[in-house]
Amino acid sequence: MKRYGLIGYPLSHSFSQKYFTEKFQREGIAGCVYDNFPLASIDEFAALIKQHADLHGLNVTIPYKEKVIPFLHAQSEVVKTIGACNCIRIENGELTGHNTDVVGFEESLRPLLQPHHKKALVLGTGGAAKAVHYVLNKLGIAFYEVSRTPGTARQLSYQQVDEAVIKEHEVIINTSPLGMYPNINECPPLPYQALTPKHYLFDLVYNPDKTLFLQKGEAQGAAIKNGHDMLIIQAEESWRIWNG
């Protein structure tokens, strides 16, 4: 039996277990199982690895994309660059960290990206945001991070994001969990009335399909996209890494 799984906390919002279980059935992949491993603390990680000798791969979600790195024996160049890992290959007891957020986000973002999309706001500063930064740098899109507690020159507070800032930054990417089920009536505090049809709002949240953040963008004529395609791309990239 080859075991795969997801670590994070909590995991009530997990997409991965359902996706991989259906993939195994659909593609006739025998002898594989995918489990959720909710860890209340990263301190439980070493025991999990020891307990399941049949583990061949793990996905990593909030809040452990950065905290898992000290447990890795090797890291991909992307993980070394951005300091966040969301996919681990396990082979002969060796843990190698990868980041599929980068591939998933870039391939999902591109279809609706327009030539005038030159500046972006990235809402949130967690592990997923680091992958977004990597892709925006690669694409030559300048950006500011938006944080409740800004601490660097590249960060703005939500109070600083006024209508002028919104109009100047025509790509807005939500990497925070605001609006995720069950808190579907929440959204980042922005002056949504300043959005235009030139704007592109991307939400890494996929449940619900259309967060309040995206609804408010759509109401102003902006292009919108959620994180569903990104998750599918990430899942398939993880499978390729685990079995490559």
Protein backbone atom coordinates (compact mmCIF):
# COMPACT_ATOMS: atom_id res chain seq x y z
CA MET A 1 0.00 0.00 0.00
CA LYS A 2 1.25 3.46 -0.94
CA ARG A 3 -0.08 6.13 1.38
CA TYR A 4 -0.31 9.83 0.57
CA GLY A 5 -1.88 12.61 2.58
CA LEU A 6 -2.34 16.18 3.67
CA ILE A 7 -1.08 17.91 6.80
CA GLY A 8 -2.51 21.16 8.12
CA TYR A 9 -4.91 22.45 10.75
CA PRO A 10 -7.83 22.44 10.60
CA LEU A 11 -8.62 20.31 7.56
CA SER A 12 -12.38 20.75 7.34
CA HIS A 13 -11.83 22.66 4.07
CA SER A 14 -9.65 19.99 2.43
CA PHE A 15 -9.98 19.50 -1.33
CA SER A 16 -7.14 17.01 -1.71
CA GLN A 17 -8.54 13.85 -0.12
CA LYS A 18 -11.67 13.86 -2.26
CA TYR A 19 -9.69 14.71 -5.40
CA PHE A 20 -7.10 11.96 -5.02
CA THR A 21 -9.61 9.31 -3.88
CA GLU A 22 -11.66 10.00 -7.02
CA LYS A 23 -8.50 10.09 -9.16
CA PHE A 24 -7.46 6.63 -7.93
CA GLN A 25 -10.92 5.26 -8.75
CA ARG A 26 -11.25 7.05 -12.10
CA GLU A 27 -7.81 6.06 -13.38
CA GLY A 28 -7.79 2.56 -11.91
CA ILE A 29 -4.80 3.27 -9.67
CA ALA A 30 -4.65 0.35 -7.24
CA GLY A 31 -2.87 0.07 -3.91
CA CYS A 32 -2.98 3.78 -3.09
CA VAL A 33 -4.80 5.71 -0.37
CA TYR A 34 -4.93 9.41 0.53
CA ASP A 35 -5.57 10.50 4.13
CA ASN A 36 -6.04 13.76 5.99
CA PHE A 37 -3.64 14.27 8.90
CA PRO A 38 -4.81 17.25 10.98
CA LEU A 39 -1.88 18.26 13.20
CA ALA A 40 -2.66 20.63 16.07
CA SER A 41 1.07 21.45 16.21
CA ILE A 42 4.03 20.95 13.85
CA ASP A 43 5.65 19.15 16.80
CA GLU A 44 3.43 16.17 15.88
CA PHE A 45 4.98 15.87 12.41
CA ALA A 46 7.98 13.66 13.26
CA ALA A 47 5.73 11.15 15.02
CA LEU A 48 3.42 11.06 12.00
CA ILE A 49 6.30 10.17 9.68
CA LYS A 50 7.52 7.49 12.08
CA GLN A 51 4.04 6.04 12.54
CA HIS A 52 3.31 5.65 8.81
CA ALA A 53 6.21 3.85 7.15
CA ASP A 54 4.12 3.49 3.98
CA LEU A 55 3.93 7.27 3.38
CA HIS A 56 5.22 8.23 -0.07
CA GLY A 57 4.07 11.82 -0.31
CA LEU A 58 2.40 14.66 1.55
CA ASN A 59 0.70 17.89 0.68
CA VAL A 60 1.10 20.74 3.16
CA THR A 61 -1.45 23.47 3.85
CA ILE A 62 -2.12 26.25 6.38
CA PRO A 63 -0.38 26.81 8.79
CA TYR A 64 2.65 24.58 8.06
CA LYS A 65 4.05 25.58 4.65
CA GLU A 66 6.94 27.37 6.36
CA LYS A 67 7.09 25.44 9.64
CA VAL A 68 7.67 22.09 7.90
CA ILE A 69 10.93 23.19 6.27
CA PRO A 70 13.27 22.28 9.19
CA PHE A 71 12.10 18.65 8.87
CA LEU A 72 13.16 18.34 5.22
CA HIS A 73 16.33 16.54 4.10
CA ALA A 74 16.38 18.35 0.74
CA GLN A 75 14.56 21.24 -0.94
CA SER A 76 13.77 22.21 -4.52
CA GLU A 77 15.24 25.47 -5.77
CA VAL A 78 11.82 27.13 -5.54
CA VAL A 79 11.44 26.14 -1.88
CA LYS A 80 14.93 27.46 -1.17
CA THR A 81 14.04 30.73 -2.88
CA ILE A 82 10.64 31.45 -1.35
CA GLY A 83 10.86 29.62 1.98
CA ALA A 84 7.56 27.77 1.64
CA CYS A 85 6.83 24.09 0.93
CA ASN A 86 3.46 22.56 0.11
CA CYS A 87 4.51 19.17 -1.31
CA ILE A 88 6.84 16.55 0.15
CA ARG A 89 8.21 13.50 -1.63
CA ILE A 90 9.19 10.68 0.74
CA GLU A 91 11.64 8.10 -0.54
CA ASN A 92 13.78 5.75 1.57
CA GLY A 93 13.06 7.86 4.63
CA GLU A 94 14.25 11.06 2.94
CA LEU A 95 11.89 14.03 2.77
CA THR A 96 12.30 16.38 -0.22
CA GLY A 97 10.31 19.61 -0.22
CA HIS A 98 8.70 21.08 -3.34
CA ASN A 99 6.25 23.91 -4.05
CA THR A 100 3.37 23.27 -6.43
CA ASP A 101 1.63 26.54 -5.49
CA VAL A 102 3.98 28.26 -7.94
CA VAL A 103 3.01 26.08 -10.91
CA GLY A 104 -0.67 26.05 -9.98
CA PHE A 105 -0.93 29.80 -9.51
CA GLU A 106 0.96 30.75 -12.66
CA GLU A 107 -0.96 28.42 -14.96
CA SER A 108 -4.28 29.44 -13.42
CA LEU A 109 -3.57 33.19 -13.44
CA ARG A 110 -2.37 33.50 -17.04
CA PRO A 111 -5.59 32.93 -19.05
CA LEU A 112 -7.30 36.14 -17.82
CA LEU A 113 -4.14 38.25 -17.55
CA GLN A 114 -4.13 41.27 -19.89
CA PRO A 115 -1.24 43.45 -21.16
CA HIS A 116 -2.40 46.37 -18.97
CA HIS A 117 -2.09 44.28 -15.80
CA LYS A 118 1.23 45.73 -14.65
CA LYS A 119 0.69 46.27 -10.91
CA ALA A 120 -0.82 44.05 -8.24
CA LEU A 121 -1.89 43.97 -4.62
CA VAL A 122 -1.33 40.69 -2.73
CA LEU A 123 -3.65 40.37 0.26
CA GLY A 124 -2.11 38.30 3.05
CA THR A 125 1.45 37.37 3.96
CA GLY A 126 1.41 33.61 4.59
CA GLY A 127 3.12 30.74 2.81
CA ALA A 128 0.82 30.88 -0.23
CA ALA A 129 1.61 34.57 -0.67
CA LYS A 130 5.29 33.71 -1.12
CA ALA A 131 4.47 31.55 -4.14
CA VAL A 132 2.36 34.40 -5.56
CA HIS A 133 5.28 36.81 -5.13
CA TYR A 134 7.56 34.41 -6.98
CA VAL A 135 5.20 34.21 -9.96
CA LEU A 136 4.54 37.96 -10.10
CA ASN A 137 8.28 38.63 -10.10
CA LYS A 138 8.70 36.09 -12.90
CA LEU A 139 5.95 37.78 -14.94
CA GLY A 140 7.33 41.28 -14.33
CA ILE A 141 4.26 42.46 -12.39
CA ALA A 142 5.14 44.94 -9.63
CA PHE A 143 3.25 44.43 -6.38
CA TYR A 144 2.63 45.50 -2.81
CA GLU A 145 1.68 43.13 -0.02
CA VAL A 146 -1.31 44.16 2.07
CA SER A 147 -1.18 43.16 5.73
CA ARG A 148 -3.05 43.93 8.93
CA THR A 149 0.37 44.56 10.50
CA PRO A 150 2.73 45.89 7.79
CA GLY A 151 6.39 45.64 8.69
CA THR A 152 8.37 46.37 5.52
CA ALA A 153 8.53 49.00 2.78
CA ARG A 154 6.82 46.53 0.41
CA GLN A 155 3.78 46.22 2.67
CA LEU A 156 0.70 48.39 3.03
CA SER A 157 -1.96 48.31 5.72
CA TYR A 158 -5.57 47.87 4.68
CA GLN A 159 -6.16 51.44 5.84
CA GLN A 160 -3.61 52.64 3.28
CA VAL A 161 -5.40 50.94 0.40
CA ASP A 162 -7.61 53.81 -0.72
CA GLU A 163 -9.38 54.36 -4.05
CA ALA A 164 -6.23 55.78 -5.65
CA VAL A 165 -4.23 52.67 -4.73
CA ILE A 166 -6.98 50.40 -6.07
CA LYS A 167 -7.12 52.28 -9.37
CA GLU A 168 -3.34 52.02 -9.79
CA HIS A 169 -3.20 48.28 -9.07
CA GLU A 170 -5.42 46.40 -11.49
CA VAL A 171 -4.63 42.89 -10.25
CA ILE A 172 -5.74 42.01 -6.71
CA ILE A 173 -4.94 38.57 -5.32
CA ASN A 174 -6.40 37.28 -2.06
CA THR A 175 -4.10 34.74 -0.39
CA SER A 176 -5.77 35.11 3.02
CA PRO A 177 -8.52 32.77 4.30
CA LEU A 178 -11.01 35.66 4.53
CA GLY A 179 -14.29 34.55 2.99
CA MET A 180 -13.54 30.82 3.18
CA TYR A 181 -16.41 28.55 4.21
CA PRO A 182 -18.00 28.71 6.74
CA ASN A 183 -17.16 32.43 7.09
CA ILE A 184 -18.70 33.28 3.73
CA ASN A 185 -19.88 36.76 4.78
CA GLU A 186 -16.33 38.02 5.31
CA CYS A 187 -14.09 39.75 2.80
CA PRO A 188 -10.91 41.84 2.81
CA PRO A 189 -11.72 45.46 3.78
CA LEU A 190 -11.17 47.32 0.50
CA PRO A 191 -12.88 50.25 -1.30
CA TYR A 192 -14.54 47.95 -3.82
CA GLN A 193 -16.39 50.86 -5.39
CA ALA A 194 -13.08 51.88 -7.01
CA LEU A 195 -12.86 48.66 -9.05
CA THR A 196 -13.39 48.83 -12.81
CA PRO A 197 -13.79 46.36 -15.70
CA LYS A 198 -10.00 46.63 -16.14
CA HIS A 199 -9.41 44.94 -12.79
CA TYR A 200 -8.69 41.24 -12.28
CA LEU A 201 -9.51 39.71 -8.89
CA PHE A 202 -8.04 36.29 -8.10
CA ASP A 203 -8.96 34.46 -4.88
CA LEU A 204 -6.96 31.42 -3.77
CA VAL A 205 -10.06 30.39 -1.79
CA TYR A 206 -12.19 27.83 -3.68
CA ASN A 207 -14.98 27.18 -1.18
CA PRO A 208 -17.39 28.89 -1.77
CA ASP A 209 -16.98 29.06 -5.56
CA LYS A 210 -17.57 32.80 -5.47
CA THR A 211 -16.39 34.49 -2.29
CA LEU A 212 -17.76 37.86 -1.20
CA PHE A 213 -14.43 39.35 -2.42
CA LEU A 214 -15.11 37.99 -5.92
CA GLN A 215 -18.79 38.93 -5.82
CA LYS A 216 -17.89 42.53 -5.06
CA GLY A 217 -15.38 42.54 -7.91
CA GLU A 218 -17.87 41.04 -10.35
CA ALA A 219 -20.46 43.65 -9.40
CA GLN A 220 -18.00 46.32 -10.61
CA GLY A 221 -17.35 44.49 -13.89
CA ALA A 222 -13.94 43.11 -12.93
CA ALA A 223 -12.65 39.78 -14.22
CA ILE A 224 -12.69 37.19 -11.41
CA LYS A 225 -11.25 33.75 -10.77
CA ASN A 226 -11.19 31.44 -7.75
CA GLY A 227 -8.60 28.89 -6.67
CA HIS A 228 -10.25 25.73 -8.03
CA ASP A 229 -8.17 25.39 -11.22
CA MET A 230 -5.05 26.17 -9.23
CA LEU A 231 -5.81 23.29 -6.87
CA ILE A 232 -6.29 20.78 -9.69
CA ILE A 233 -3.01 21.84 -11.33
CA GLN A 234 -1.25 21.59 -7.96
CA ALA A 235 -2.67 18.15 -7.27
CA GLU A 236 -1.50 16.77 -10.63
CA GLU A 237 1.93 18.37 -10.15
CA SER A 238 2.16 16.71 -6.71
CA TRP A 239 1.33 13.32 -8.24
CA ARG A 240 4.04 13.84 -10.86
CA ILE A 241 6.58 14.73 -8.14
CA TRP A 242 5.69 11.74 -5.97
CA ASN A 243 5.92 9.31 -8.84
CA GLY A 244 8.51 10.98 -11.05
